[in-house]
All heavy atoms as atom14 arrays in JSON, in Angstrom:
{
  "sequence": "FNAQAALMRVAGEADVELTLFHGRGGTASRGGGPLDRLVDST",
  "atom14_mask": [
    [1, 1, 1, 1, 1, 1, 1, 1, 1, 1, 1, 0, 0, 0],
    [1, 1, 1, 1, 1, 1, 1, 1, 0, 0, 0, 0, 0, 0],
    [1, 1, 1, 1, 1, 0, 0, 0, 0, 0, 0, 0, 0, 0],
    [1, 1, 1, 1, 1, 1, 1, 1, 1, 0, 0, 0, 0, 0],
    [1, 1, 1, 1, 1, 0, 0, 0, 0, 0, 0, 0, 0, 0],
    [1, 1, 1, 1, 1, 0, 0, 0, 0, 0, 0, 0, 0, 0],
    [1, 1, 1, 1, 1, 1, 1, 1, 0, 0, 0, 0, 0, 0],
    [1, 1, 1, 1, 1, 1, 1, 1, 0, 0, 0, 0, 0, 0],
    [1, 1, 1, 1, 1, 1, 1, 1, 1, 1, 1, 0, 0, 0],
    [1, 1, 1, 1, 1, 1, 1, 0, 0, 0, 0, 0, 0, 0],
    [1, 1, 1, 1, 1, 0, 0, 0, 0, 0, 0, 0, 0, 0],
    [1, 1, 1, 1, 0, 0, 0, 0, 0, 0, 0, 0, 0, 0],
    [1, 1, 1, 1, 1, 1, 1, 1, 1, 0, 0, 0, 0, 0],
    [1, 1, 1, 1, 1, 0, 0, 0, 0, 0, 0, 0, 0, 0],
    [1, 1, 1, 1, 1, 1, 1, 1, 0, 0, 0, 0, 0, 0],
    [1, 1, 1, 1, 1, 1, 1, 0, 0, 0, 0, 0, 0, 0],
    [1, 1, 1, 1, 1, 1, 1, 1, 1, 0, 0, 0, 0, 0],
    [1, 1, 1, 1, 1, 1, 1, 1, 0, 0, 0, 0, 0, 0],
    [1, 1, 1, 1, 1, 1, 1, 0, 0, 0, 0, 0, 0, 0],
    [1, 1, 1, 1, 1, 1, 1, 1, 0, 0, 0, 0, 0, 0],
    [1, 1, 1, 1, 1, 1, 1, 1, 1, 1, 1, 0, 0, 0],
    [1, 1, 1, 1, 1, 1, 1, 1, 1, 1, 0, 0, 0, 0],
    [1, 1, 1, 1, 0, 0, 0, 0, 0, 0, 0, 0, 0, 0],
    [1, 1, 1, 1, 1, 1, 1, 1, 1, 1, 1, 0, 0, 0],
    [1, 1, 1, 1, 0, 0, 0, 0, 0, 0, 0, 0, 0, 0],
    [1, 1, 1, 1, 0, 0, 0, 0, 0, 0, 0, 0, 0, 0],
    [1, 1, 1, 1, 1, 1, 1, 0, 0, 0, 0, 0, 0, 0],
    [1, 1, 1, 1, 1, 0, 0, 0, 0, 0, 0, 0, 0, 0],
    [1, 1, 1, 1, 1, 1, 0, 0, 0, 0, 0, 0, 0, 0],
    [1, 1, 1, 1, 1, 1, 1, 1, 1, 1, 1, 0, 0, 0],
    [1, 1, 1, 1, 0, 0, 0, 0, 0, 0, 0, 0, 0, 0],
    [1, 1, 1, 1, 0, 0, 0, 0, 0, 0, 0, 0, 0, 0],
    [1, 1, 1, 1, 0, 0, 0, 0, 0, 0, 0, 0, 0, 0],
    [1, 1, 1, 1, 1, 1, 1, 0, 0, 0, 0, 0, 0, 0],
    [1, 1, 1, 1, 1, 1, 1, 1, 0, 0, 0, 0, 0, 0],
    [1, 1, 1, 1, 1, 1, 1, 1, 0, 0, 0, 0, 0, 0],
    [1, 1, 1, 1, 1, 1, 1, 1, 1, 1, 1, 0, 0, 0],
    [1, 1, 1, 1, 1, 1, 1, 1, 0, 0, 0, 0, 0, 0],
    [1, 1, 1, 1, 1, 1, 1, 0, 0, 0, 0, 0, 0, 0],
    [1, 1, 1, 1, 1, 1, 1, 1, 0, 0, 0, 0, 0, 0],
    [1, 1, 1, 1, 1, 1, 0, 0, 0, 0, 0, 0, 0, 0],
    [1, 1, 1, 1, 1, 1, 1, 0, 0, 0, 0, 0, 0, 0]
  ],
  "atom14_positions": [
    [[6.94, -23.35, -91.3], [6.3, -24.52, -91.84], [7.21, -25.84, -91.95], [6.98, -26.87, -91.43], [5.58, -24.3, -93.15], [4.78, -25.48, -93.65], [3.39, -25.63, -93.33], [5.33, -26.48, -94.47], [2.66, -26.68, -93.77], [4.58, -27.58, -94.88], [3.25, -27.72, -94.55], [0.0, 0.0, 0.0], [0.0, 0.0, 0.0], [0.0, 0.0, 0.0]],
    [[8.41, -25.5, -92.62], [9.36, -26.54, -92.86], [10.03, -26.98, -91.55], [10.26, -28.2, -91.32], [10.48, -26.12, -93.86], [9.97, -26.03, -95.26], [8.94, -26.67, -95.61], [10.61, -25.21, -96.04], [0.0, 0.0, 0.0], [0.0, 0.0, 0.0], [0.0, 0.0, 0.0], [0.0, 0.0, 0.0], [0.0, 0.0, 0.0], [0.0, 0.0, 0.0]],
    [[10.2, -26.09, -90.62], [10.76, -26.39, -89.27], [9.8, -27.38, -88.53], [10.35, -28.32, -87.91], [11.04, -25.1, -88.51], [0.0, 0.0, 0.0], [0.0, 0.0, 0.0], [0.0, 0.0, 0.0], [0.0, 0.0, 0.0], [0.0, 0.0, 0.0], [0.0, 0.0, 0.0], [0.0, 0.0, 0.0], [0.0, 0.0, 0.0], [0.0, 0.0, 0.0]],
    [[8.5, -27.09, -88.52], [7.57, -27.93, -87.91], [7.63, -29.39, -88.38], [7.65, -30.41, -87.68], [6.17, -27.37, -88.0], [5.96, -26.05, -87.26], [4.63, -25.53, -87.51], [3.62, -26.01, -87.02], [4.5, -24.43, -88.35], [0.0, 0.0, 0.0], [0.0, 0.0, 0.0], [0.0, 0.0, 0.0], [0.0, 0.0, 0.0], [0.0, 0.0, 0.0]],
    [[7.78, -29.48, -89.74], [7.67, -30.74, -90.44], [9.04, -31.51, -90.06], [8.96, -32.65, -89.74], [7.7, -30.62, -91.94], [0.0, 0.0, 0.0], [0.0, 0.0, 0.0], [0.0, 0.0, 0.0], [0.0, 0.0, 0.0], [0.0, 0.0, 0.0], [0.0, 0.0, 0.0], [0.0, 0.0, 0.0], [0.0, 0.0, 0.0], [0.0, 0.0, 0.0]],
    [[10.14, -30.79, -90.03], [11.43, -31.43, -89.62], [11.47, -31.88, -88.14], [11.92, -32.96, -87.84], [12.6, -30.44, -89.9], [0.0, 0.0, 0.0], [0.0, 0.0, 0.0], [0.0, 0.0, 0.0], [0.0, 0.0, 0.0], [0.0, 0.0, 0.0], [0.0, 0.0, 0.0], [0.0, 0.0, 0.0], [0.0, 0.0, 0.0], [0.0, 0.0, 0.0]],
    [[10.88, -31.09, -87.33], [10.78, -31.42, -85.87], [9.97, -32.6, -85.66], [10.26, -33.51, -84.88], [10.25, -30.19, -85.14], [11.15, -29.02, -84.97], [10.35, -27.8, -84.45], [12.35, -29.31, -84.03], [0.0, 0.0, 0.0], [0.0, 0.0, 0.0], [0.0, 0.0, 0.0], [0.0, 0.0, 0.0], [0.0, 0.0, 0.0], [0.0, 0.0, 0.0]],
    [[8.82, -32.72, -86.33], [7.97, -33.87, -86.22], [8.68, -35.16, -86.7], [8.53, -36.18, -86.02], [6.63, -33.63, -87.08], [5.72, -32.69, -86.52], [4.49, -32.25, -87.81], [4.0, -33.85, -88.37], [0.0, 0.0, 0.0], [0.0, 0.0, 0.0], [0.0, 0.0, 0.0], [0.0, 0.0, 0.0], [0.0, 0.0, 0.0], [0.0, 0.0, 0.0]],
    [[9.35, -35.01, -87.82], [10.05, -36.2, -88.28], [11.14, -36.73, -87.36], [11.2, -37.92, -87.05], [10.69, -35.86, -89.69], [11.38, -36.99, -90.37], [11.98, -36.65, -91.62], [13.07, -35.64, -91.6], [12.92, -34.38, -91.83], [11.8, -33.9, -92.33], [13.9, -33.5, -91.67], [0.0, 0.0, 0.0], [0.0, 0.0, 0.0], [0.0, 0.0, 0.0]],
    [[11.91, -35.82, -86.75], [12.92, -36.19, -85.96], [12.36, -36.83, -84.62], [12.89, -37.79, -84.13], [13.82, -34.94, -85.53], [14.86, -35.33, -84.42], [14.61, -34.54, -86.79], [0.0, 0.0, 0.0], [0.0, 0.0, 0.0], [0.0, 0.0, 0.0], [0.0, 0.0, 0.0], [0.0, 0.0, 0.0], [0.0, 0.0, 0.0], [0.0, 0.0, 0.0]],
    [[11.41, -36.17, -84.04], [10.77, -36.71, -82.77], [10.16, -38.03, -83.05], [10.12, -38.97, -82.21], [9.61, -35.72, -82.38], [0.0, 0.0, 0.0], [0.0, 0.0, 0.0], [0.0, 0.0, 0.0], [0.0, 0.0, 0.0], [0.0, 0.0, 0.0], [0.0, 0.0, 0.0], [0.0, 0.0, 0.0], [0.0, 0.0, 0.0], [0.0, 0.0, 0.0]],
    [[9.46, -38.25, -84.17], [8.88, -39.55, -84.55], [9.95, -40.61, -84.56], [9.74, -41.72, -84.13], [0.0, 0.0, 0.0], [0.0, 0.0, 0.0], [0.0, 0.0, 0.0], [0.0, 0.0, 0.0], [0.0, 0.0, 0.0], [0.0, 0.0, 0.0], [0.0, 0.0, 0.0], [0.0, 0.0, 0.0], [0.0, 0.0, 0.0], [0.0, 0.0, 0.0]],
    [[11.07, -40.39, -85.17], [12.13, -41.28, -85.31], [12.76, -41.7, -83.98], [13.24, -42.8, -83.73], [13.36, -40.75, -86.22], [12.83, -40.63, -87.65], [13.84, -39.86, -88.55], [14.86, -39.36, -87.92], [13.68, -39.75, -89.82], [0.0, 0.0, 0.0], [0.0, 0.0, 0.0], [0.0, 0.0, 0.0], [0.0, 0.0, 0.0], [0.0, 0.0, 0.0]],
    [[12.71, -40.72, -83.01], [13.24, -41.0, -81.69], [12.15, -41.44, -80.74], [12.48, -41.68, -79.52], [13.86, -39.67, -81.11], [0.0, 0.0, 0.0], [0.0, 0.0, 0.0], [0.0, 0.0, 0.0], [0.0, 0.0, 0.0], [0.0, 0.0, 0.0], [0.0, 0.0, 0.0], [0.0, 0.0, 0.0], [0.0, 0.0, 0.0], [0.0, 0.0, 0.0]],
    [[10.97, -41.71, -81.16], [9.89, -42.1, -80.42], [9.63, -41.19, -79.15], [9.49, -41.61, -78.04], [10.08, -43.53, -79.85], [8.84, -44.2, -79.23], [7.7, -43.79, -79.6], [9.02, -45.04, -78.33], [0.0, 0.0, 0.0], [0.0, 0.0, 0.0], [0.0, 0.0, 0.0], [0.0, 0.0, 0.0], [0.0, 0.0, 0.0], [0.0, 0.0, 0.0]],
    [[9.63, -39.92, -79.51], [9.32, -38.83, -78.46], [8.02, -38.14, -78.81], [7.76, -37.88, -80.05], [10.55, -37.87, -78.51], [10.19, -36.56, -77.67], [11.76, -38.53, -77.9], [0.0, 0.0, 0.0], [0.0, 0.0, 0.0], [0.0, 0.0, 0.0], [0.0, 0.0, 0.0], [0.0, 0.0, 0.0], [0.0, 0.0, 0.0], [0.0, 0.0, 0.0]],
    [[7.26, -37.9, -77.84], [5.94, -37.19, -77.95], [6.22, -35.67, -78.0], [6.61, -35.09, -77.04], [4.95, -37.57, -76.75], [3.56, -36.96, -76.94], [2.71, -37.28, -75.89], [3.01, -38.34, -75.17], [1.73, -36.59, -75.58], [0.0, 0.0, 0.0], [0.0, 0.0, 0.0], [0.0, 0.0, 0.0], [0.0, 0.0, 0.0], [0.0, 0.0, 0.0]],
    [[6.02, -35.09, -79.21], [6.35, -33.71, -79.5], [5.13, -32.85, -79.38], [4.13, -33.09, -80.03], [7.08, -33.6, -80.86], [7.44, -32.16, -81.31], [8.52, -31.6, -80.42], [7.79, -32.13, -82.73], [0.0, 0.0, 0.0], [0.0, 0.0, 0.0], [0.0, 0.0, 0.0], [0.0, 0.0, 0.0], [0.0, 0.0, 0.0], [0.0, 0.0, 0.0]],
    [[5.26, -31.73, -78.73], [4.27, -30.67, -78.77], [4.92, -29.36, -79.28], [5.96, -28.97, -78.84], [3.8, -30.33, -77.28], [3.07, -31.46, -76.73], [2.77, -29.15, -77.33], [0.0, 0.0, 0.0], [0.0, 0.0, 0.0], [0.0, 0.0, 0.0], [0.0, 0.0, 0.0], [0.0, 0.0, 0.0], [0.0, 0.0, 0.0], [0.0, 0.0, 0.0]],
    [[4.28, -28.88, -80.37], [4.8, -27.71, -81.03], [4.09, -26.5, -80.35], [2.87, -26.42, -80.33], [4.55, -27.7, -82.47], [5.38, -28.73, -83.24], [4.86, -28.87, -84.71], [6.89, -28.25, -83.24], [0.0, 0.0, 0.0], [0.0, 0.0, 0.0], [0.0, 0.0, 0.0], [0.0, 0.0, 0.0], [0.0, 0.0, 0.0], [0.0, 0.0, 0.0]],
    [[4.92, -25.49, -79.9], [4.42, -24.37, -79.18], [4.6, -23.16, -80.11], [5.71, -22.87, -80.48], [5.18, -24.23, -77.88], [4.75, -23.16, -76.95], [3.67, -22.32, -77.26], [5.48, -22.92, -75.73], [3.32, -21.3, -76.38], [5.08, -21.92, -74.89], [4.05, -21.1, -75.17], [0.0, 0.0, 0.0], [0.0, 0.0, 0.0], [0.0, 0.0, 0.0]],
    [[3.53, -22.44, -80.47], [3.65, -21.38, -81.49], [3.81, -20.01, -80.74], [2.91, -19.59, -80.06], [2.35, -21.39, -82.37], [2.19, -22.65, -83.14], [2.65, -22.73, -84.44], [1.57, -23.77, -82.8], [2.37, -23.99, -84.89], [1.69, -24.63, -83.98], [0.0, 0.0, 0.0], [0.0, 0.0, 0.0], [0.0, 0.0, 0.0], [0.0, 0.0, 0.0]],
    [[4.95, -19.47, -80.94], [5.25, -18.15, -80.3], [4.88, -17.01, -81.25], [5.73, -16.64, -82.07], [0.0, 0.0, 0.0], [0.0, 0.0, 0.0], [0.0, 0.0, 0.0], [0.0, 0.0, 0.0], [0.0, 0.0, 0.0], [0.0, 0.0, 0.0], [0.0, 0.0, 0.0], [0.0, 0.0, 0.0], [0.0, 0.0, 0.0], [0.0, 0.0, 0.0]],
    [[3.68, -16.46, -81.16], [3.23, -15.52, -82.15], [3.04, -14.17, -81.5], [2.87, -14.0, -80.34], [1.84, -15.93, -82.75], [1.75, -17.46, -83.04], [0.4, -17.68, -83.74], [-0.7, -17.33, -82.89], [-1.88, -16.98, -83.26], [-2.22, -17.03, -84.59], [-2.92, -16.68, -82.5], [0.0, 0.0, 0.0], [0.0, 0.0, 0.0], [0.0, 0.0, 0.0]],
    [[3.11, -13.15, -82.39], [2.74, -11.81, -81.94], [1.3, -11.49, -82.44], [0.56, -12.34, -82.83], [0.0, 0.0, 0.0], [0.0, 0.0, 0.0], [0.0, 0.0, 0.0], [0.0, 0.0, 0.0], [0.0, 0.0, 0.0], [0.0, 0.0, 0.0], [0.0, 0.0, 0.0], [0.0, 0.0, 0.0], [0.0, 0.0, 0.0], [0.0, 0.0, 0.0]],
    [[0.92, -10.23, -82.25], [-0.49, -9.84, -82.5], [-0.82, -9.73, -84.03], [-1.85, -10.05, -84.41], [0.0, 0.0, 0.0], [0.0, 0.0, 0.0], [0.0, 0.0, 0.0], [0.0, 0.0, 0.0], [0.0, 0.0, 0.0], [0.0, 0.0, 0.0], [0.0, 0.0, 0.0], [0.0, 0.0, 0.0], [0.0, 0.0, 0.0], [0.0, 0.0, 0.0]],
    [[0.25, -9.12, -84.84], [-0.03, -8.86, -86.23], [0.43, -10.1, -87.05], [1.13, -10.95, -86.62], [0.78, -7.75, -86.7], [2.15, -7.92, -86.54], [0.38, -6.49, -85.79], [0.0, 0.0, 0.0], [0.0, 0.0, 0.0], [0.0, 0.0, 0.0], [0.0, 0.0, 0.0], [0.0, 0.0, 0.0], [0.0, 0.0, 0.0], [0.0, 0.0, 0.0]],
    [[-0.11, -10.09, -88.36], [0.35, -11.17, -89.29], [1.8, -11.13, -89.44], [2.35, -12.2, -89.78], [-0.42, -10.9, -90.6], [0.0, 0.0, 0.0], [0.0, 0.0, 0.0], [0.0, 0.0, 0.0], [0.0, 0.0, 0.0], [0.0, 0.0, 0.0], [0.0, 0.0, 0.0], [0.0, 0.0, 0.0], [0.0, 0.0, 0.0], [0.0, 0.0, 0.0]],
    [[2.43, -10.02, -89.37], [3.95, -9.88, -89.59], [4.63, -10.81, -88.51], [5.81, -11.21, -88.79], [4.36, -8.52, -89.45], [3.76, -7.64, -90.4], [0.0, 0.0, 0.0], [0.0, 0.0, 0.0], [0.0, 0.0, 0.0], [0.0, 0.0, 0.0], [0.0, 0.0, 0.0], [0.0, 0.0, 0.0], [0.0, 0.0, 0.0], [0.0, 0.0, 0.0]],
    [[4.02, -10.99, -87.46], [4.6, -11.81, -86.4], [3.86, -13.11, -86.09], [3.87, -13.68, -85.01], [4.77, -11.02, -85.16], [5.7, -9.76, -85.31], [5.88, -9.01, -84.03], [6.32, -9.81, -82.87], [5.9, -9.89, -81.68], [4.79, -9.15, -81.36], [6.31, -10.66, -80.8], [0.0, 0.0, 0.0], [0.0, 0.0, 0.0], [0.0, 0.0, 0.0]],
    [[3.08, -13.62, -87.11], [2.38, -14.89, -87.02], [1.05, -14.8, -86.4], [0.37, -15.84, -86.24], [0.0, 0.0, 0.0], [0.0, 0.0, 0.0], [0.0, 0.0, 0.0], [0.0, 0.0, 0.0], [0.0, 0.0, 0.0], [0.0, 0.0, 0.0], [0.0, 0.0, 0.0], [0.0, 0.0, 0.0], [0.0, 0.0, 0.0], [0.0, 0.0, 0.0]],
    [[0.49, -13.57, -86.12], [-0.71, -13.4, -85.52], [-1.9, -13.69, -86.43], [-1.77, -13.81, -87.63], [0.0, 0.0, 0.0], [0.0, 0.0, 0.0], [0.0, 0.0, 0.0], [0.0, 0.0, 0.0], [0.0, 0.0, 0.0], [0.0, 0.0, 0.0], [0.0, 0.0, 0.0], [0.0, 0.0, 0.0], [0.0, 0.0, 0.0], [0.0, 0.0, 0.0]],
    [[-3.03, -13.88, -85.8], [-4.26, -14.05, -86.59], [-5.18, -15.15, -85.89], [-4.8, -15.68, -84.85], [0.0, 0.0, 0.0], [0.0, 0.0, 0.0], [0.0, 0.0, 0.0], [0.0, 0.0, 0.0], [0.0, 0.0, 0.0], [0.0, 0.0, 0.0], [0.0, 0.0, 0.0], [0.0, 0.0, 0.0], [0.0, 0.0, 0.0], [0.0, 0.0, 0.0]],
    [[-6.31, -15.45, -86.4], [-7.27, -16.37, -85.8], [-6.6, -17.78, -85.56], [-5.81, -18.22, -86.45], [-8.39, -16.47, -86.8], [-8.35, -15.18, -87.6], [-6.87, -14.82, -87.64], [0.0, 0.0, 0.0], [0.0, 0.0, 0.0], [0.0, 0.0, 0.0], [0.0, 0.0, 0.0], [0.0, 0.0, 0.0], [0.0, 0.0, 0.0], [0.0, 0.0, 0.0]],
    [[-7.03, -18.47, -84.58], [-6.39, -19.73, -84.26], [-6.68, -20.81, -85.23], [-5.89, -21.74, -85.52], [-6.73, -20.19, -82.82], [-6.26, -19.29, -81.69], [-6.84, -19.75, -80.38], [-4.77, -19.25, -81.67], [0.0, 0.0, 0.0], [0.0, 0.0, 0.0], [0.0, 0.0, 0.0], [0.0, 0.0, 0.0], [0.0, 0.0, 0.0], [0.0, 0.0, 0.0]],
    [[-7.94, -20.77, -85.85], [-8.29, -21.72, -86.86], [-7.38, -21.7, -88.08], [-7.03, -22.72, -88.65], [-9.73, -21.69, -87.24], [-10.16, -20.36, -87.73], [-9.42, -19.31, -87.44], [-11.18, -20.15, -88.4], [0.0, 0.0, 0.0], [0.0, 0.0, 0.0], [0.0, 0.0, 0.0], [0.0, 0.0, 0.0], [0.0, 0.0, 0.0], [0.0, 0.0, 0.0]],
    [[-6.99, -20.36, -88.47], [-6.11, -20.21, -89.54], [-4.66, -20.74, -89.25], [-3.99, -21.25, -90.11], [-6.13, -18.8, -90.0], [-7.37, -18.36, -90.65], [-7.54, -16.88, -90.63], [-6.48, -16.24, -91.43], [-6.51, -16.04, -92.79], [-7.61, -16.47, -93.45], [-5.51, -15.51, -93.37], [0.0, 0.0, 0.0], [0.0, 0.0, 0.0], [0.0, 0.0, 0.0]],
    [[-4.35, -20.57, -88.02], [-3.0, -21.06, -87.55], [-2.96, -22.67, -87.68], [-1.98, -23.2, -88.32], [-2.67, -20.76, -86.13], [-1.52, -21.4, -85.4], [-0.26, -20.94, -86.15], [-1.48, -21.12, -83.96], [0.0, 0.0, 0.0], [0.0, 0.0, 0.0], [0.0, 0.0, 0.0], [0.0, 0.0, 0.0], [0.0, 0.0, 0.0], [0.0, 0.0, 0.0]],
    [[-4.0, -23.28, -87.26], [-4.05, -24.77, -87.35], [-4.04, -25.15, -88.84], [-3.33, -26.09, -89.27], [-5.28, -25.24, -86.63], [-5.41, -26.82, -86.87], [-5.22, -24.99, -85.12], [0.0, 0.0, 0.0], [0.0, 0.0, 0.0], [0.0, 0.0, 0.0], [0.0, 0.0, 0.0], [0.0, 0.0, 0.0], [0.0, 0.0, 0.0], [0.0, 0.0, 0.0]],
    [[-4.79, -24.49, -89.64], [-4.87, -24.81, -91.06], [-3.49, -24.77, -91.76], [-3.2, -25.35, -92.79], [-5.84, -23.94, -91.82], [-7.34, -24.33, -91.6], [-7.47, -25.46, -91.12], [-8.18, -23.51, -91.85], [0.0, 0.0, 0.0], [0.0, 0.0, 0.0], [0.0, 0.0, 0.0], [0.0, 0.0, 0.0], [0.0, 0.0, 0.0], [0.0, 0.0, 0.0]],
    [[-2.66, -23.84, -91.25], [-1.36, -23.57, -91.83], [-0.23, -24.42, -91.31], [0.95, -24.15, -91.68], [-1.02, -22.1, -91.58], [-2.04, -21.22, -92.19], [0.0, 0.0, 0.0], [0.0, 0.0, 0.0], [0.0, 0.0, 0.0], [0.0, 0.0, 0.0], [0.0, 0.0, 0.0], [0.0, 0.0, 0.0], [0.0, 0.0, 0.0], [0.0, 0.0, 0.0]],
    [[-0.56, -25.37, -90.47], [0.5, -26.27, -89.94], [0.7, -27.46, -90.84], [-0.22, -27.97, -91.55], [0.24, -26.67, -88.54], [-1.04, -27.3, -88.53], [0.18, -25.47, -87.59], [0.0, 0.0, 0.0], [0.0, 0.0, 0.0], [0.0, 0.0, 0.0], [0.0, 0.0, 0.0], [0.0, 0.0, 0.0], [0.0, 0.0, 0.0], [0.0, 0.0, 0.0]]
  ]
}
């Protein structure tokens, strides 16, 4: 979560259009789960 916030801040300061790509596994231990919950957690 904090990494995403930091990346957004840096990209905004540099006027760069940033796309965050989520590299998840299947289980919750590796970030898996429904996509709506992923979006809610960003």
